[in-house]
Amino acid sequence: MEANEHGALTLVRMVGVILMIASVLEFGLYWAECSLHKPEPVHMEAVPVILRCLPALLGAVILVKSRAIAEWVADKLDL
């Protein structure tokens, strides 16, 4: 693997991890918003939870397919 392809692979993996971290933080904020609601806590709904977990799923797919995506990025950018 050349240095350019290695850089593209690192970039793709970083994007996948950032998507997963952002999704976990967003889910945590939603949970805190529901549980700390005044005067009484609000129940968490399924649709907002699913929508907040989709980026984590996308990040996991990116991590699994990172080598193929990195090769595609390297070819597109002519690295």
PDB file of N, CA and C in Angstrom:
ATOM      1  N   MET A   1       0.848  -1.173   0.000  1.00  0.00           N
ATOM      2  CA  MET A   1       0.000   0.000   0.000  1.00  0.00           C
ATOM      3  C   MET A   1       0.893   1.236   0.000  1.00  0.00           C
ATOM      4  N   GLU A   2       0.606   2.129  -0.922  1.00  0.00           N
ATOM      5  CA  GLU A   2       1.386   3.349  -1.039  1.00  0.00           C
ATOM      6  C   GLU A   2       1.007   4.336   0.062  1.00  0.00           C
ATOM      7  N   ALA A   3       1.822   5.355   0.212  1.00  0.00           N
ATOM      8  CA  ALA A   3       1.576   6.354   1.250  1.00  0.00           C
ATOM      9  C   ALA A   3       0.275   7.102   1.011  1.00  0.00           C
ATOM     10  N   ASN A   4      -0.028   7.378  -0.258  1.00  0.00           N
ATOM     11  CA  ASN A   4      -1.269   8.096  -0.566  1.00  0.00           C
ATOM     12  C   ASN A   4      -2.493   7.256  -0.214  1.00  0.00           C
ATOM     13  N   GLU A   5      -2.438   5.979  -0.532  1.00  0.00           N
ATOM     14  CA  GLU A   5      -3.556   5.102  -0.205  1.00  0.00           C
ATOM     15  C   GLU A   5      -3.685   4.927   1.306  1.00  0.00           C
ATOM     16  N   HIS A   6      -2.557   4.896   1.988  1.00  0.00           N
ATOM     17  CA  HIS A   6      -2.583   4.791   3.443  1.00  0.00           C
ATOM     18  C   HIS A   6      -3.216   6.036   4.057  1.00  0.00           C
ATOM     19  N   GLY A   7      -2.913   7.214   3.504  1.00  0.00           N
ATOM     20  CA  GLY A   7      -3.529   8.451   3.978  1.00  0.00           C
ATOM     21  C   GLY A   7      -5.030   8.458   3.741  1.00  0.00           C
ATOM     22  N   ALA A   8      -5.455   7.967   2.578  1.00  0.00           N
ATOM     23  CA  ALA A   8      -6.887   7.886   2.279  1.00  0.00           C
ATOM     24  C   ALA A   8      -7.573   6.904   3.223  1.00  0.00           C
ATOM     25  N   LEU A   9      -6.911   5.791   3.532  1.00  0.00           N
ATOM     26  CA  LEU A   9      -7.477   4.811   4.459  1.00  0.00           C
ATOM     27  C   LEU A   9      -7.629   5.409   5.852  1.00  0.00           C
ATOM     28  N   THR A  10      -6.645   6.171   6.287  1.00  0.00           N
ATOM     29  CA  THR A  10      -6.722   6.835   7.585  1.00  0.00           C
ATOM     30  C   THR A  10      -7.872   7.836   7.617  1.00  0.00           C
ATOM     31  N   LEU A  11      -8.032   8.595   6.536  1.00  0.00           N
ATOM     32  CA  LEU A  11      -9.111   9.568   6.452  1.00  0.00           C
ATOM     33  C   LEU A  11     -10.479   8.884   6.510  1.00  0.00           C
ATOM     34  N   VAL A  12     -10.649   7.801   5.780  1.00  0.00           N
ATOM     35  CA  VAL A  12     -11.926   7.087   5.760  1.00  0.00           C
ATOM     36  C   VAL A  12     -12.226   6.506   7.131  1.00  0.00           C
ATOM     37  N   ARG A  13     -11.242   5.933   7.786  1.00  0.00           N
ATOM     38  CA  ARG A  13     -11.461   5.387   9.126  1.00  0.00           C
ATOM     39  C   ARG A  13     -11.806   6.480  10.126  1.00  0.00           C
ATOM     40  N   MET A  14     -11.157   7.639   9.989  1.00  0.00           N
ATOM     41  CA  MET A  14     -11.449   8.743  10.889  1.00  0.00           C
ATOM     42  C   MET A  14     -12.888   9.231  10.712  1.00  0.00           C
ATOM     43  N   VAL A  15     -13.350   9.307   9.479  1.00  0.00           N
ATOM     44  CA  VAL A  15     -14.730   9.722   9.219  1.00  0.00           C
ATOM     45  C   VAL A  15     -15.705   8.728   9.850  1.00  0.00           C
ATOM     46  N   GLY A  16     -15.428   7.430   9.725  1.00  0.00           N
ATOM     47  CA  GLY A  16     -16.297   6.420  10.324  1.00  0.00           C
ATOM     48  C   GLY A  16     -16.367   6.528  11.837  1.00  0.00           C
ATOM     49  N   VAL A  17     -15.226   6.723  12.463  1.00  0.00           N
ATOM     50  CA  VAL A  17     -15.189   6.842  13.928  1.00  0.00           C
ATOM     51  C   VAL A  17     -15.876   8.123  14.385  1.00  0.00           C
ATOM     52  N   ILE A  18     -15.684   9.219  13.662  1.00  0.00           N
ATOM     53  CA  ILE A  18     -16.323  10.483  14.033  1.00  0.00           C
ATOM     54  C   ILE A  18     -17.835  10.370  13.919  1.00  0.00           C
ATOM     55  N   LEU A  19     -18.328   9.688  12.888  1.00  0.00           N
ATOM     56  CA  LEU A  19     -19.775   9.473  12.771  1.00  0.00           C
ATOM     57  C   LEU A  19     -20.312   8.683  13.957  1.00  0.00           C
ATOM     58  N   MET A  20     -19.582   7.674  14.373  1.00  0.00           N
ATOM     59  CA  MET A  20     -20.034   6.865  15.503  1.00  0.00           C
ATOM     60  C   MET A  20     -20.019   7.678  16.801  1.00  0.00           C
ATOM     61  N   ILE A  21     -18.977   8.446  17.026  1.00  0.00           N
ATOM     62  CA  ILE A  21     -18.878   9.254  18.239  1.00  0.00           C
ATOM     63  C   ILE A  21     -19.969  10.317  18.271  1.00  0.00           C
ATOM     64  N   ALA A  22     -20.204  10.976  17.140  1.00  0.00           N
ATOM     65  CA  ALA A  22     -21.243  12.003  17.082  1.00  0.00           C
ATOM     66  C   ALA A  22     -22.623  11.406  17.353  1.00  0.00           C
ATOM     67  N   SER A  23     -22.858  10.212  16.854  1.00  0.00           N
ATOM     68  CA  SER A  23     -24.139   9.554  17.074  1.00  0.00           C
ATOM     69  C   SER A  23     -24.325   9.209  18.546  1.00  0.00           C
ATOM     70  N   VAL A  24     -23.293   8.704  19.190  1.00  0.00           N
ATOM     71  CA  VAL A  24     -23.382   8.374  20.620  1.00  0.00           C
ATOM     72  C   VAL A  24     -23.612   9.631  21.446  1.00  0.00           C
ATOM     73  N   LEU A  25     -22.931  10.721  21.105  1.00  0.00           N
ATOM     74  CA  LEU A  25     -23.135  11.982  21.832  1.00  0.00           C
ATOM     75  C   LEU A  25     -24.548  12.513  21.629  1.00  0.00           C
ATOM     76  N   GLU A  26     -25.065  12.440  20.412  1.00  0.00           N
ATOM     77  CA  GLU A  26     -26.420  12.906  20.141  1.00  0.00           C
ATOM     78  C   GLU A  26     -27.448  12.066  20.891  1.00  0.00           C
ATOM     79  N   PHE A  27     -27.237  10.748  20.929  1.00  0.00           N
ATOM     80  CA  PHE A  27     -28.140   9.878  21.679  1.00  0.00           C
ATOM     81  C   PHE A  27     -28.083  10.200  23.169  1.00  0.00           C
ATOM     82  N   GLY A  28     -26.899  10.450  23.690  1.00  0.00           N
ATOM     83  CA  GLY A  28     -26.754  10.805  25.099  1.00  0.00           C
ATOM     84  C   GLY A  28     -27.446  12.111  25.438  1.00  0.00           C
ATOM     85  N   LEU A  29     -27.351  13.078  24.551  1.00  0.00           N
ATOM     86  CA  LEU A  29     -28.038  14.348  24.786  1.00  0.00           C
ATOM     87  C   LEU A  29     -29.553  14.170  24.749  1.00  0.00           C
ATOM     88  N   TYR A  30     -30.048  13.328  23.849  1.00  0.00           N
ATOM     89  CA  TYR A  30     -31.490  13.071  23.784  1.00  0.00           C
ATOM     90  C   TYR A  30     -31.955  12.361  25.053  1.00  0.00           C
ATOM     91  N   TRP A  31     -31.173  11.393  25.513  1.00  0.00           N
ATOM     92  CA  TRP A  31     -31.517  10.679  26.743  1.00  0.00           C
ATOM     93  C   TRP A  31     -31.559  11.641  27.933  1.00  0.00           C
ATOM     94  N   ALA A  32     -30.545  12.523  28.018  1.00  0.00           N
ATOM     95  CA  ALA A  32     -30.507  13.481  29.119  1.00  0.00           C
ATOM     96  C   ALA A  32     -31.683  14.452  29.039  1.00  0.00           C
ATOM     97  N   GLU A  33     -32.021  14.873  27.824  1.00  0.00           N
ATOM     98  CA  GLU A  33     -33.153  15.779  27.649  1.00  0.00           C
ATOM     99  C   GLU A  33     -34.462  15.130  28.104  1.00  0.00           C
ATOM    100  N   CYS A  34     -34.628  13.855  27.790  1.00  0.00           N
ATOM    101  CA  CYS A  34     -35.860  13.160  28.182  1.00  0.00           C
ATOM    102  C   CYS A  34     -35.891  12.851  29.676  1.00  0.00           C
ATOM    103  N   SER A  35     -34.785  12.459  30.236  1.00  0.00           N
ATOM    104  CA  SER A  35     -34.793  12.044  31.637  1.00  0.00           C
ATOM    105  C   SER A  35     -34.747  13.220  32.610  1.00  0.00           C
ATOM    106  N   LEU A  36     -34.247  14.355  32.179  1.00  0.00           N
ATOM    107  CA  LEU A  36     -34.147  15.511  33.067  1.00  0.00           C
ATOM    108  C   LEU A  36     -35.229  16.547  32.805  1.00  0.00           C
ATOM    109  N   HIS A  37     -36.220  16.200  32.024  1.00  0.00           N
ATOM    110  CA  HIS A  37     -37.313  17.120  31.695  1.00  0.00           C
ATOM    111  C   HIS A  37     -38.123  17.427  32.950  1.00  0.00           C
ATOM    112  N   LYS A  38     -38.465  18.677  33.141  1.00  0.00           N
ATOM    113  CA  LYS A  38     -39.241  19.091  34.314  1.00  0.00           C
ATOM    114  C   LYS A  38     -40.666  19.363  33.889  1.00  0.00           C
ATOM    115  N   PRO A  39     -41.671  19.114  34.625  1.00  0.00           N
ATOM    116  CA  PRO A  39     -41.740  18.675  36.003  1.00  0.00           C
ATOM    117  C   PRO A  39     -41.572  17.172  36.155  1.00  0.00           C
ATOM    118  N   GLU A  40     -41.786  16.374  35.114  1.00  0.00           N
ATOM    119  CA  GLU A  40     -41.560  14.934  35.240  1.00  0.00           C
ATOM    120  C   GLU A  40     -40.876  14.442  33.974  1.00  0.00           C
ATOM    121  N   PRO A  41     -40.101  13.366  34.046  1.00  0.00           N
ATOM    122  CA  PRO A  41     -39.387  12.855  32.876  1.00  0.00           C
ATOM    123  C   PRO A  41     -40.337  12.439  31.748  1.00  0.00           C
ATOM    124  N   VAL A  42     -39.864  12.578  30.531  1.00  0.00           N
ATOM    125  CA  VAL A  42     -40.621  12.213  29.341  1.00  0.00           C
ATOM    126  C   VAL A  42     -40.078  10.880  28.837  1.00  0.00           C
ATOM    127  N   HIS A  43     -40.955  10.012  28.350  1.00  0.00           N
ATOM    128  CA  HIS A  43     -40.513   8.728  27.800  1.00  0.00           C
ATOM    129  C   HIS A  43     -39.816   8.944  26.459  1.00  0.00           C
ATOM    130  N   MET A  44     -38.763   8.180  26.245  1.00  0.00           N
ATOM    131  CA  MET A  44     -38.059   8.250  24.973  1.00  0.00           C
ATOM    132  C   MET A  44     -38.894   7.546  23.906  1.00  0.00           C
ATOM    133  N   GLU A  45     -38.950   8.138  22.715  1.00  0.00           N
ATOM    134  CA  GLU A  45     -39.708   7.564  21.618  1.00  0.00           C
ATOM    135  C   GLU A  45     -38.776   6.811  20.687  1.00  0.00           C
ATOM    136  N   ALA A  46     -39.321   5.839  19.971  1.00  0.00           N
ATOM    137  CA  ALA A  46     -38.513   4.950  19.142  1.00  0.00           C
ATOM    138  C   ALA A  46     -37.947   5.652  17.911  1.00  0.00           C
ATOM    139  N   VAL A  47     -38.745   6.459  17.237  1.00  0.00           N
ATOM    140  CA  VAL A  47     -38.292   7.076  15.986  1.00  0.00           C
ATOM    141  C   VAL A  47     -37.110   8.017  16.204  1.00  0.00           C
ATOM    142  N   PRO A  48     -37.139   8.916  17.191  1.00  0.00           N
ATOM    143  CA  PRO A  48     -35.952   9.754  17.400  1.00  0.00           C
ATOM    144  C   PRO A  48     -34.709   8.949  17.789  1.00  0.00           C
ATOM    145  N   VAL A  49     -34.903   7.870  18.526  1.00  0.00           N
ATOM    146  CA  VAL A  49     -33.752   7.036  18.902  1.00  0.00           C
ATOM    147  C   VAL A  49     -33.162   6.377  17.655  1.00  0.00           C
ATOM    148  N   ILE A  50     -34.010   5.856  16.786  1.00  0.00           N
ATOM    149  CA  ILE A  50     -33.537   5.210  15.557  1.00  0.00           C
ATOM    150  C   ILE A  50     -32.825   6.224  14.667  1.00  0.00           C
ATOM    151  N   LEU A  51     -33.399   7.416  14.539  1.00  0.00           N
ATOM    152  CA  LEU A  51     -32.768   8.443  13.707  1.00  0.00           C
ATOM    153  C   LEU A  51     -31.420   8.878  14.260  1.00  0.00           C
ATOM    154  N   ARG A  52     -31.276   8.877  15.571  1.00  0.00           N
ATOM    155  CA  ARG A  52     -29.998   9.257  16.169  1.00  0.00           C
ATOM    156  C   ARG A  52     -28.960   8.141  16.091  1.00  0.00           C
ATOM    157  N   CYS A  53     -29.395   6.904  15.880  1.00  0.00           N
ATOM    158  CA  CYS A  53     -28.476   5.777  15.776  1.00  0.00           C
ATOM    159  C   CYS A  53     -28.047   5.483  14.331  1.00  0.00           C
ATOM    160  N   LEU A  54     -28.717   6.059  13.354  1.00  0.00           N
ATOM    161  CA  LEU A  54     -28.357   5.810  11.954  1.00  0.00           C
ATOM    162  C   LEU A  54     -26.924   6.223  11.604  1.00  0.00           C
ATOM    163  N   PRO A  55     -26.428   7.381  12.064  1.00  0.00           N
ATOM    164  CA  PRO A  55     -25.033   7.709  11.759  1.00  0.00           C
ATOM    165  C   PRO A  55     -24.040   6.695  12.342  1.00  0.00           C
ATOM    166  N   ALA A  56     -24.352   6.105  13.494  1.00  0.00           N
ATOM    167  CA  ALA A  56     -23.464   5.083  14.070  1.00  0.00           C
ATOM    168  C   ALA A  56     -23.437   3.850  13.177  1.00  0.00           C
ATOM    169  N   LEU A  57     -24.587   3.484  12.635  1.00  0.00           N
ATOM    170  CA  LEU A  57     -24.644   2.353  11.714  1.00  0.00           C
ATOM    171  C   LEU A  57     -23.859   2.659  10.443  1.00  0.00           C
ATOM    172  N   LEU A  58     -24.004   3.861   9.927  1.00  0.00           N
ATOM    173  CA  LEU A  58     -23.250   4.267   8.745  1.00  0.00           C
ATOM    174  C   LEU A  58     -21.750   4.263   9.034  1.00  0.00           C
ATOM    175  N   GLY A  59     -21.362   4.726  10.211  1.00  0.00           N
ATOM    176  CA  GLY A  59     -19.949   4.711  10.590  1.00  0.00           C
ATOM    177  C   GLY A  59     -19.398   3.300  10.689  1.00  0.00           C
ATOM    178  N   ALA A  60     -20.203   2.360  11.199  1.00  0.00           N
ATOM    179  CA  ALA A  60     -19.759   0.968  11.277  1.00  0.00           C
ATOM    180  C   ALA A  60     -19.591   0.376   9.879  1.00  0.00           C
ATOM    181  N   VAL A  61     -20.496   0.705   8.974  1.00  0.00           N
ATOM    182  CA  VAL A  61     -20.379   0.221   7.592  1.00  0.00           C
ATOM    183  C   VAL A  61     -19.132   0.803   6.934  1.00  0.00           C
ATOM    184  N   ILE A  62     -18.866   2.069   7.194  1.00  0.00           N
ATOM    185  CA  ILE A  62     -17.667   2.701   6.640  1.00  0.00           C
ATOM    186  C   ILE A  62     -16.412   2.024   7.179  1.00  0.00           C
ATOM    187  N   LEU A  63     -16.392   1.684   8.460  1.00  0.00           N
ATOM    188  CA  LEU A  63     -15.219   1.011   9.024  1.00  0.00           C
ATOM    189  C   LEU A  63     -15.025  -0.379   8.433  1.00  0.00           C
ATOM    190  N   VAL A  64     -16.124  -1.091   8.196  1.00  0.00           N
ATOM    191  CA  VAL A  64     -16.014  -2.431   7.616  1.00  0.00           C
ATOM    192  C   VAL A  64     -15.521  -2.360   6.175  1.00  0.00           C
ATOM    193  N   LYS A  65     -16.012  -1.402   5.425  1.00  0.00           N
ATOM    194  CA  LYS A  65     -15.654  -1.263   4.010  1.00  0.00           C
ATOM    195  C   LYS A  65     -14.562  -0.216   3.783  1.00  0.00           C
ATOM    196  N   SER A  66     -13.780   0.102   4.790  1.00  0.00           N
ATOM    197  CA  SER A  66     -12.840   1.220   4.709  1.00  0.00           C
ATOM    198  C   SER A  66     -11.784   1.044   3.618  1.00  0.00           C
ATOM    199  N   ARG A  67     -11.291  -0.159   3.434  1.00  0.00           N
ATOM    200  CA  ARG A  67     -10.258  -0.352   2.412  1.00  0.00           C
ATOM    201  C   ARG A  67     -10.802  -0.101   1.011  1.00  0.00           C
ATOM    202  N   ALA A  68     -11.993  -0.600   0.721  1.00  0.00           N
ATOM    203  CA  ALA A  68     -12.593  -0.391  -0.598  1.00  0.00           C
ATOM    204  C   ALA A  68     -12.924   1.088  -0.817  1.00  0.00           C
ATOM    205  N   ILE A  69     -13.429   1.745   0.206  1.00  0.00           N
ATOM    206  CA  ILE A  69     -13.755   3.170   0.080  1.00  0.00           C
ATOM    207  C   ILE A  69     -12.484   3.989  -0.104  1.00  0.00           C
ATOM    208  N   ALA A  70     -11.413   3.635   0.610  1.00  0.00           N
ATOM    209  CA  ALA A  70     -10.142   4.358   0.486  1.00  0.00           C
ATOM    210  C   ALA A  70      -9.558   4.192  -0.915  1.00  0.00           C
ATOM    211  N   GLU A  71      -9.645   2.991  -1.482  1.00  0.00           N
ATOM    212  CA  GLU A  71      -9.172   2.791  -2.853  1.00  0.00           C
ATOM    213  C   GLU A  71      -9.987   3.620  -3.828  1.00  0.00           C
ATOM    214  N   TRP A  72     -11.317   3.678  -3.619  1.00  0.00           N
ATOM    215  CA  TRP A  72     -12.171   4.473  -4.490  1.00  0.00           C
ATOM    216  C   TRP A  72     -11.818   5.955  -4.390  1.00  0.00           C
ATOM    217  N   VAL A  73     -11.583   6.458  -3.162  1.00  0.00           N
ATOM    218  CA  VAL A  73     -11.225   7.857  -2.960  1.00  0.00           C
ATOM    219  C   VAL A  73      -9.875   8.154  -3.614  1.00  0.00           C
ATOM    220  N   ALA A  74      -8.918   7.261  -3.453  1.00  0.00           N
ATOM    221  CA  ALA A  74      -7.602   7.448  -4.042  1.00  0.00           C
ATOM    222  C   ALA A  74      -7.689   7.475  -5.574  1.00  0.00           C
ATOM    223  N   ASP A  75      -8.529   6.613  -6.146  1.00  0.00           N
ATOM    224  CA  ASP A  75      -8.705   6.621  -7.611  1.00  0.00           C
ATOM    225  C   ASP A  75      -9.397   7.888  -8.086  1.00  0.00           C
ATOM    226  N   LYS A  76     -10.407   8.338  -7.355  1.00  0.00           N
ATOM    227  CA  LYS A  76     -11.133   9.541  -7.746  1.00  0.00           C
ATOM    228  C   LYS A  76     -10.255  10.788  -7.664  1.00  0.00           C
ATOM    229  N   LEU A  77      -9.403  10.853  -6.665  1.00  0.00           N
ATOM    230  CA  LEU A  77      -8.549  12.005  -6.476  1.00  0.00           C
ATOM    231  C   LEU A  77      -7.218  11.882  -7.207  1.00  0.00           C
ATOM    232  N   ASP A  78      -6.996  10.766  -7.870  1.00  0.00           N
ATOM    233  CA  ASP A  78      -5.739  10.510  -8.601  1.00  0.00           C
ATOM    234  C   ASP A  78      -4.522  10.683  -7.727  1.00  0.00           C
ATOM    235  N   LEU A  79      -4.558  10.048  -6.556  1.00  0.00           N
ATOM    236  CA  LEU A  79      -3.429  10.141  -5.637  1.00  0.00           C
ATOM    237  C   LEU A  79      -2.366   9.160  -6.003  1.00  0.00           C
TER     238      LEU A  79
END
